[in-house]
Protein backbone atom coordinates (compact mmCIF):
# COMPACT_ATOMS: atom_id res chain seq x y z
CA UNK A 1 86.38 130.73 103.92
CA UNK A 2 88.67 131.84 107.16
CA UNK A 3 91.89 129.93 107.59
CA UNK A 4 89.83 128.18 110.96
CA UNK A 5 87.16 127.23 108.61
CA UNK A 6 89.47 125.77 106.45
CA UNK A 7 90.44 123.53 109.57
CA UNK A 8 86.60 122.46 110.66
CA UNK A 9 86.42 121.52 106.33
CA UNK A 10 89.42 119.64 106.81
CA UNK A 11 87.68 117.55 109.70
CA UNK A 12 84.45 116.99 108.61
CA UNK A 13 86.35 115.48 105.18
CA UNK A 14 88.17 113.54 107.19
CA UNK A 15 85.12 111.93 109.29
CA UNK A 16 84.15 110.82 105.82
CA UNK A 17 87.52 109.52 104.59
CA UNK A 18 87.94 107.73 107.80
CA UNK A 19 84.80 106.34 108.05
CA UNK A 20 85.39 104.78 104.37
CA UNK A 21 88.80 103.83 105.03
CA UNK A 22 87.05 101.35 107.53
CA UNK A 23 84.17 100.19 105.16
CA UNK A 24 86.12 99.66 102.10
CA UNK A 25 83.99 102.77 101.22
CA UNK A 26 84.86 105.48 98.29
CA UNK A 27 88.48 106.90 98.01
CA UNK A 28 89.66 110.28 99.55
CA UNK A 29 89.85 112.84 96.11
CA UNK A 30 86.08 111.26 95.06
CA UNK A 31 84.85 112.19 98.93
CA UNK A 32 86.27 115.48 98.71
CA UNK A 33 85.13 116.63 95.88
CA UNK A 34 81.42 115.01 96.64
CA UNK A 35 81.73 117.28 99.67
CA UNK A 36 82.55 120.89 97.69
CA UNK A 37 80.44 119.11 94.98
CA UNK A 38 77.61 120.39 97.48
CA UNK A 39 79.00 124.07 98.99
CA UNK A 40 79.48 126.38 95.84
CA UNK A 41 80.90 128.92 98.37
CA UNK A 42 83.96 127.13 98.69
CA UNK A 43 86.31 129.48 96.10
CA UNK A 44 89.09 127.86 94.16
CA UNK A 45 91.87 128.78 96.82
CA UNK A 46 89.43 127.24 99.69
CA UNK A 47 89.31 124.05 97.99
CA UNK A 48 92.84 123.90 97.51
CA UNK A 49 93.67 124.40 101.08
CA UNK A 50 91.31 122.07 102.80
CA UNK A 51 92.27 119.09 99.97
CA UNK A 52 95.94 119.76 101.58
CA UNK A 53 95.15 120.13 104.58
CA UNK A 54 93.33 116.66 104.81
CA UNK A 55 95.89 114.94 103.10
CA UNK A 56 98.24 116.15 105.65
CA UNK A 57 96.71 114.86 108.37
CA UNK A 58 96.20 111.85 106.21
CA UNK A 59 100.27 111.02 105.50
CA UNK A 60 100.31 112.25 109.24
CA UNK A 61 98.64 108.94 110.78
CA UNK A 62 100.16 105.46 111.10
CA UNK A 63 96.92 104.03 112.30
CA UNK A 64 92.86 104.23 111.61
CA UNK A 65 92.64 107.77 113.73
CA UNK A 66 89.09 107.41 116.02
CA UNK A 67 87.79 110.64 114.59
CA UNK A 68 88.72 113.78 111.57
CA UNK A 69 89.12 115.65 114.71
CA UNK A 70 92.00 113.24 116.25
CA UNK A 71 93.94 113.16 113.24
CA UNK A 72 94.43 116.99 112.98
CA UNK A 73 95.06 117.69 116.26
CA UNK A 74 98.13 115.22 114.66
CA UNK A 75 99.59 117.53 112.67
CA UNK A 76 98.54 120.27 114.91
CA UNK A 77 100.58 119.13 117.97
CA UNK A 78 103.66 119.83 115.63
CA UNK A 79 102.26 122.79 114.26
CA UNK A 80 101.54 125.93 116.22
CA UNK A 81 99.99 128.17 113.80
CA UNK A 82 97.69 125.38 112.70
CA UNK A 83 96.97 124.87 117.14
CA UNK A 84 96.14 128.95 117.34
CA UNK A 85 93.16 127.88 114.65
CA UNK A 86 91.19 125.57 116.98
CA UNK A 87 90.30 128.55 118.94
CA UNK A 88 85.90 128.59 118.64
CA UNK A 89 85.70 130.85 116.90
CA UNK A 90 81.98 130.64 113.89
CA UNK A 91 82.92 128.73 111.93
CA UNK A 92 86.59 126.99 113.60
CA UNK A 93 87.33 124.06 114.92
CA UNK A 94 86.26 123.89 119.50
CA UNK A 95 89.54 124.83 121.48
CA UNK A 96 91.81 122.18 122.30
CA UNK A 97 90.95 120.67 125.65
CA UNK A 98 94.07 119.58 128.17
CA UNK A 99 94.98 116.17 127.56
CA UNK A 100 93.05 115.42 124.25
CA UNK A 101 93.82 112.87 122.67
CA UNK A 102 94.93 112.96 118.98
CA UNK A 103 95.72 110.34 116.61
CA UNK A 104 99.11 107.99 116.63
CA UNK A 105 101.64 109.16 114.10
CA UNK A 106 104.09 106.07 111.92
CA UNK A 107 104.15 105.35 108.19
CA UNK A 108 101.41 102.35 108.20
CA UNK A 109 99.38 100.31 110.92
CA UNK A 110 101.35 98.36 113.26
CA UNK A 111 101.03 95.01 111.26
CA UNK A 112 101.70 96.51 107.75
CA UNK A 113 105.22 98.74 108.97
CA UNK A 114 106.65 95.22 110.36
CA UNK A 115 105.77 93.67 107.25
CA UNK A 116 107.65 96.43 105.17
CA UNK A 117 110.50 95.97 107.58
CA UNK A 118 110.73 92.45 106.98
CA UNK A 119 111.04 92.86 103.34
CA UNK A 120 113.90 95.14 104.07
CA UNK A 121 111.97 98.68 103.43
CA UNK A 122 113.93 100.99 105.63
CA UNK A 123 112.52 103.64 107.90
CA UNK A 124 113.64 106.01 105.22
CA UNK A 125 112.50 104.20 102.46
CA UNK A 126 109.22 103.82 104.69
CA UNK A 127 108.62 107.76 105.33
CA UNK A 128 109.38 108.12 101.18
CA UNK A 129 106.01 106.34 100.52
CA UNK A 130 104.17 109.14 101.73
CA UNK A 131 105.88 112.39 99.86
CA UNK A 132 103.54 114.16 97.80
CA UNK A 133 104.41 112.77 93.99
CA UNK A 134 105.18 114.51 91.11
CA UNK A 135 103.05 114.35 87.64
CA UNK A 136 104.77 111.79 85.27
CA UNK A 137 103.90 112.04 81.29
CA UNK A 138 104.87 109.01 78.49
CA UNK A 139 106.11 110.81 75.00
CA UNK A 140 103.36 108.36 73.05
CA UNK A 141 105.70 108.00 70.03
CA UNK A 142 102.81 106.62 67.82
CA UNK A 143 101.91 110.38 67.83
CA UNK A 144 104.82 112.38 68.16
CA UNK A 145 105.86 115.41 66.49
CA UNK A 146 102.17 116.44 66.11
CA UNK A 147 102.16 118.51 69.19
CA UNK A 148 105.03 120.54 71.86
CA UNK A 149 105.04 119.50 75.22
CA UNK A 150 103.73 121.99 78.19
CA UNK A 151 106.73 123.71 79.49
CA UNK A 152 108.19 123.44 82.53
CA UNK A 153 108.73 119.92 82.15
CA UNK A 154 112.05 117.94 82.86
CA UNK A 155 113.25 114.32 81.55
CA UNK A 156 113.31 111.11 83.59
CA UNK A 157 115.40 108.00 83.43
CA UNK A 158 112.16 106.08 81.24
CA UNK A 159 112.70 106.00 78.00
CA UNK A 160 109.79 109.14 76.53
CA UNK A 161 109.36 110.16 80.56
CA UNK A 162 108.64 113.32 81.54
CA UNK A 163 107.97 115.24 84.60
CA UNK A 164 106.02 118.09 85.33
CA UNK A 165 105.21 120.01 89.07
CA UNK A 166 102.09 118.15 90.89
CA UNK A 167 99.72 120.97 90.67
CA UNK A 168 100.27 121.04 86.47
CA UNK A 169 96.99 120.47 84.72
CA UNK A 170 98.31 118.85 81.86
CA UNK A 171 94.87 116.81 80.81
CA UNK A 172 93.54 120.68 79.82
CA UNK A 173 96.54 120.64 77.17
CA UNK A 174 96.88 120.58 73.35
CA UNK A 175 99.75 117.65 73.93
CA UNK A 176 97.61 115.52 75.85
CA UNK A 177 93.75 116.02 73.61
CA UNK A 178 96.00 115.14 70.34
CA UNK A 179 96.74 111.35 72.12
CA UNK A 180 100.22 112.68 72.28
CA UNK A 181 100.97 112.37 75.84
CA UNK A 182 99.55 109.98 78.77
CA UNK A 183 100.07 110.40 82.46
CA UNK A 184 102.21 107.11 83.59
CA UNK A 185 104.60 107.47 86.34
CA UNK A 186 108.06 106.82 85.09
CA UNK A 187 108.24 103.78 87.23
CA UNK A 188 105.22 101.74 85.30
CA UNK A 189 106.96 103.14 82.39
CA UNK A 190 109.84 101.22 83.31
CA UNK A 191 108.28 97.94 83.88
CA UNK A 192 106.61 98.65 80.52
CA UNK A 193 110.03 98.60 78.92
CA UNK A 194 110.82 95.11 81.01
CA UNK A 195 108.63 92.89 78.47
CA UNK A 196 110.83 94.30 75.64
CA UNK A 197 107.63 94.53 73.02
CA UNK A 198 108.52 94.94 69.77
CA UNK A 199 107.03 95.24 66.04
CA UNK A 200 104.79 91.77 65.10
CA UNK A 201 105.34 90.09 68.41
CA UNK A 202 102.29 88.80 69.91
CA UNK A 203 101.88 89.91 73.77
CA UNK A 204 99.56 89.62 76.01
CA UNK A 205 98.80 92.25 78.89
CA UNK A 206 96.79 89.75 81.24
CA UNK A 207 95.98 92.06 84.18
CA UNK A 208 95.07 95.51 81.03
CA UNK A 209 92.82 97.20 83.90
CA UNK A 210 92.00 100.53 81.83
CA UNK A 211 95.31 99.93 79.52
CA UNK A 212 97.79 102.77 80.61
CA UNK A 213 100.57 99.68 80.37
CA UNK A 214 99.24 98.24 77.01
CA UNK A 215 99.13 102.06 75.61
CA UNK A 216 102.70 101.72 76.48
CA UNK A 217 103.31 98.49 74.73
CA UNK A 218 101.53 99.17 71.72
CA UNK A 219 103.53 102.52 71.09
CA UNK A 220 106.93 99.97 71.77
CA UNK A 221 105.38 97.49 68.96
CA UNK A 222 104.97 100.80 66.68
CA UNK A 223 101.13 99.66 66.26
CA UNK A 224 102.18 96.36 64.38
CA UNK A 225 101.45 92.30 65.69
CA UNK A 226 98.95 91.08 67.89
CA UNK A 227 98.07 92.66 71.76
CA UNK A 228 95.94 91.28 73.41
CA UNK A 229 94.31 92.87 76.61
CA UNK A 230 92.87 90.83 79.36
CA UNK A 231 91.12 92.06 82.49
CA UNK A 232 88.38 91.19 84.91
CA UNK A 233 86.44 93.92 85.77
CA UNK A 234 84.47 95.21 82.70
CA UNK A 235 83.98 98.32 83.48
CA UNK A 236 88.10 99.30 83.54
CA UNK A 237 88.53 97.14 80.82
CA UNK A 238 85.74 99.43 78.44
CA UNK A 239 87.87 102.12 79.29
CA UNK A 240 90.28 101.22 76.83
CA UNK A 241 89.14 101.97 73.41
CA UNK A 242 88.70 105.49 74.06
CA UNK A 243 91.88 106.05 75.43
CA UNK A 244 93.18 103.47 72.32
CA UNK A 245 91.63 105.87 69.87
CA UNK A 246 92.68 108.61 70.86
CA UNK A 247 96.62 107.97 71.51
CA UNK A 248 96.19 106.00 67.38
CA UNK A 249 96.55 102.17 69.27
CA UNK A 250 94.89 99.89 66.68
CA UNK A 251 95.68 96.91 66.43
CA UNK A 252 94.55 95.94 70.34
CA UNK A 253 92.62 92.95 70.83
CA UNK A 254 90.22 93.19 74.77
CA UNK A 255 89.02 89.90 76.34
CA UNK A 256 86.38 90.11 79.63
CA UNK A 257 88.00 87.48 81.83
CA UNK A 258 85.78 85.07 84.12
CA UNK A 259 88.01 84.90 87.64
CA UNK A 260 88.90 81.64 87.90
CA UNK A 261 87.99 80.51 84.57
CA UNK A 262 90.92 82.42 82.70
CA UNK A 263 92.76 79.21 81.27
CA UNK A 264 89.66 78.44 78.66
CA UNK A 265 89.28 82.13 77.73
CA UNK A 266 92.57 82.88 76.22
CA UNK A 267 92.83 79.36 74.81
CA UNK A 268 93.20 80.90 71.11
CA UNK A 269 96.62 81.72 72.96
CA UNK A 270 98.51 79.29 74.50
CA UNK A 271 101.81 78.51 74.21
CA UNK A 272 101.42 80.83 71.40
CA UNK A 273 102.49 84.24 72.92
CA UNK A 274 106.44 86.12 72.87
CA UNK A 275 105.29 87.75 76.26
CA UNK A 276 102.87 88.24 79.15
CA UNK A 277 102.80 90.97 81.51
CA UNK A 278 101.22 89.92 84.36
CA UNK A 279 100.66 93.40 86.01
CA UNK A 280 98.90 91.80 89.44
CA UNK A 281 96.06 93.10 91.73
CA UNK A 282 98.18 94.08 94.48
CA UNK A 283 97.87 95.92 97.88
CA UNK A 284 98.97 98.93 96.35
CA UNK A 285 102.01 99.93 99.03
CA UNK A 286 104.15 101.47 95.97
CA UNK A 287 101.23 104.14 95.86
CA UNK A 288 100.68 105.84 98.57
CA UNK A 289 102.22 109.09 98.01
CA UNK A 290 98.90 109.49 95.57
CA UNK A 291 96.77 107.39 97.33
CA UNK A 292 98.00 107.94 101.55
CA UNK A 293 94.44 106.65 102.86
CA UNK A 294 94.98 103.39 101.04
CA UNK A 295 97.15 101.67 104.03
CA UNK A 296 94.43 102.33 106.31
CA UNK A 297 92.16 100.15 104.61
CA UNK A 298 94.56 96.84 103.77
CA UNK A 299 94.19 94.04 106.10
CA UNK A 300 95.97 90.66 106.19
CA UNK A 301 93.77 88.81 104.88
CA UNK A 302 93.32 91.29 101.72
CA UNK A 303 97.26 90.64 102.01
CA UNK A 304 97.19 87.30 102.23
CA UNK A 305 94.06 87.36 99.01
CA UNK A 306 95.95 88.79 96.65
CA UNK A 307 99.64 87.09 97.28
CA UNK A 308 97.01 83.89 96.39
CA UNK A 309 95.47 85.42 93.02
CA UNK A 310 98.89 86.66 92.39
CA UNK A 311 100.40 82.80 92.32
CA UNK A 312 97.35 81.21 90.33
CA UNK A 313 97.81 84.32 87.42
CA UNK A 314 101.32 83.48 87.13
CA UNK A 315 100.51 80.18 86.49
CA UNK A 316 97.85 80.91 84.05
CA UNK A 317 100.59 83.36 82.57
CA UNK A 318 103.15 80.27 82.42
CA UNK A 319 100.35 78.41 79.78
CA UNK A 320 100.70 81.08 76.72
CA UNK A 321 104.07 81.36 76.77
CA UNK A 322 106.08 80.37 73.90
CA UNK A 323 109.26 78.66 74.44
CA UNK A 324 111.84 80.89 75.00
CA UNK A 325 109.17 83.75 75.15
CA UNK A 326 109.52 85.66 78.66
CA UNK A 327 106.67 86.21 81.24
CA UNK A 328 107.14 89.91 82.85
CA UNK A 329 105.59 90.35 86.83
CA UNK A 330 104.76 93.42 88.13
CA UNK A 331 103.01 94.43 91.11
CA UNK A 332 103.37 97.97 92.60
CA UNK A 333 104.29 96.58 95.97
CA UNK A 334 107.18 96.72 98.26
CA UNK A 335 106.28 93.90 100.53
CA UNK A 336 108.35 90.55 99.59
CA UNK A 337 104.75 88.58 99.43
CA UNK A 338 104.14 90.44 96.75
CA UNK A 339 107.50 90.85 94.87
CA UNK A 340 110.48 88.27 95.41
CA UNK A 341 108.73 85.93 96.94
CA UNK A 342 106.09 85.36 94.44
CA UNK A 343 109.02 85.19 91.86
CA UNK A 344 110.90 82.52 93.39
CA UNK A 345 107.51 81.51 94.20
CA UNK A 346 106.99 80.56 90.71
CA UNK A 347 110.65 79.42 89.24
CA UNK A 348 110.31 76.57 92.00
CA UNK A 349 107.09 75.16 90.75
CA UNK A 350 107.94 76.05 86.60
CA UNK A 351 111.43 74.38 86.29
CA UNK A 352 111.35 74.95 82.68
CA UNK A 353 111.69 78.75 83.94
CA UNK A 354 114.84 80.44 84.25
CA UNK A 355 115.38 83.96 85.85
CA UNK A 356 115.95 87.30 83.63
CA UNK A 357 117.13 89.98 85.53
CA UNK A 358 116.15 93.11 83.73
CA UNK A 359 118.81 95.92 83.24
CA UNK A 360 116.45 99.18 83.62
CA UNK A 361 117.61 102.51 84.26
CA UNK A 362 116.48 102.85 87.82
CA UNK A 363 116.24 100.36 90.03
CA UNK A 364 117.89 97.58 92.83
CA UNK A 365 117.65 94.12 92.53
CA UNK A 366 115.33 92.50 95.18
CA UNK A 367 115.74 88.78 94.51
CA UNK A 368 114.80 87.83 90.80
CA UNK A 369 114.10 91.18 90.43
CA UNK A 370 114.36 94.56 90.78
CA UNK A 371 112.89 97.02 93.02
CA UNK A 372 111.89 100.39 91.92
CA UNK A 373 111.32 102.92 95.50
CA UNK A 374 110.42 106.44 95.80
CA UNK A 375 113.63 107.30 97.79
CA UNK A 376 115.86 105.51 95.70
CA UNK A 377 114.80 105.89 91.95
CA UNK A 378 111.90 109.03 92.60
CA UNK A 379 109.13 106.83 91.18
CA UNK A 380 106.38 105.09 92.85
CA UNK A 381 107.47 101.62 94.52
CA UNK A 382 107.22 98.61 92.38
CA UNK A 383 108.68 94.98 92.12
CA UNK A 384 109.28 93.36 88.39
CA UNK A 385 111.08 90.18 87.07
CA UNK A 386 111.54 88.60 83.96
CA UNK A 387 111.11 85.18 83.68
CA UNK A 388 112.29 83.45 80.16
CA UNK A 389 110.68 80.13 79.29
CA UNK A 390 113.49 77.81 78.12
């Protein structure tokens, strides 16, 4: 593909991404993979270049663009070399017309940018949410010593964390195949450390998903004790079993939850858990480095629904913790509605609990918890609070 043809390809992909964002359709990475699957003529360099162009345009536009062309013109406005490729040649985008509209720049849609600012997120903090993320891995201590790590890594502040360049194909390594490492952001690893899970304890991962944090907890527990992984998404929860087998984890019990009826499903553990992790569904504002188009999908109504779900799950979790036990609340968000406000609201509703702000190797205090951010900590954005039942 010529450079101009790559630009036109990125524009076509952007049109698909914009349509999907408005309709809550497939994510950008899947759309890009599908687009190339039917275009075998594109080589690996073409695919990489087109992908980078598409994501560059996604990151550059705050509001949802009208079209892929207006999104790419937003980038071209600040890149003369890119603008010169709009030349109308074969497979190239048409020449730019005088006063042709281009998409608006910005970190996010205006309403969302305002919410971030109200949550104490500076402009530099917000801009860093759209940087390209590195590739972080967690060494699985249950498999430690079996294989050596691939070259090119540097330590992170997490106890078992290492960092590679974004393009590293870590899943093709022997270490990954043997279950000695797991892909996990450093911030996510630190939130697991906040649980302080110990061997022999009873720990509940209330929103386990596909089990990334569950596996980290199992390693911390040295594969001894009771670890219950719960989720309402059957497909995601089903992916935990093969991951656990690869990681050498044998002590996890899974529980499929029916939304609104979690208390019934978890009755056997009422008041018995040493720790409960609530990694709650959220807006994902802290993960824009990996999914920048997600900010186009979020609406005020969806945010309100996430906030309500988080509050309800915290109340469910409270009934599972034994006296002296701990509840850890985590969201991958920098919005106070999904962080500091949730922690303070929980403590107001449950006077028998106290805040126990965890001491981690990164993060800054925000209300009754800690906030992690790309700008300050080099991690995805997270809020983590720990409360103790007294």
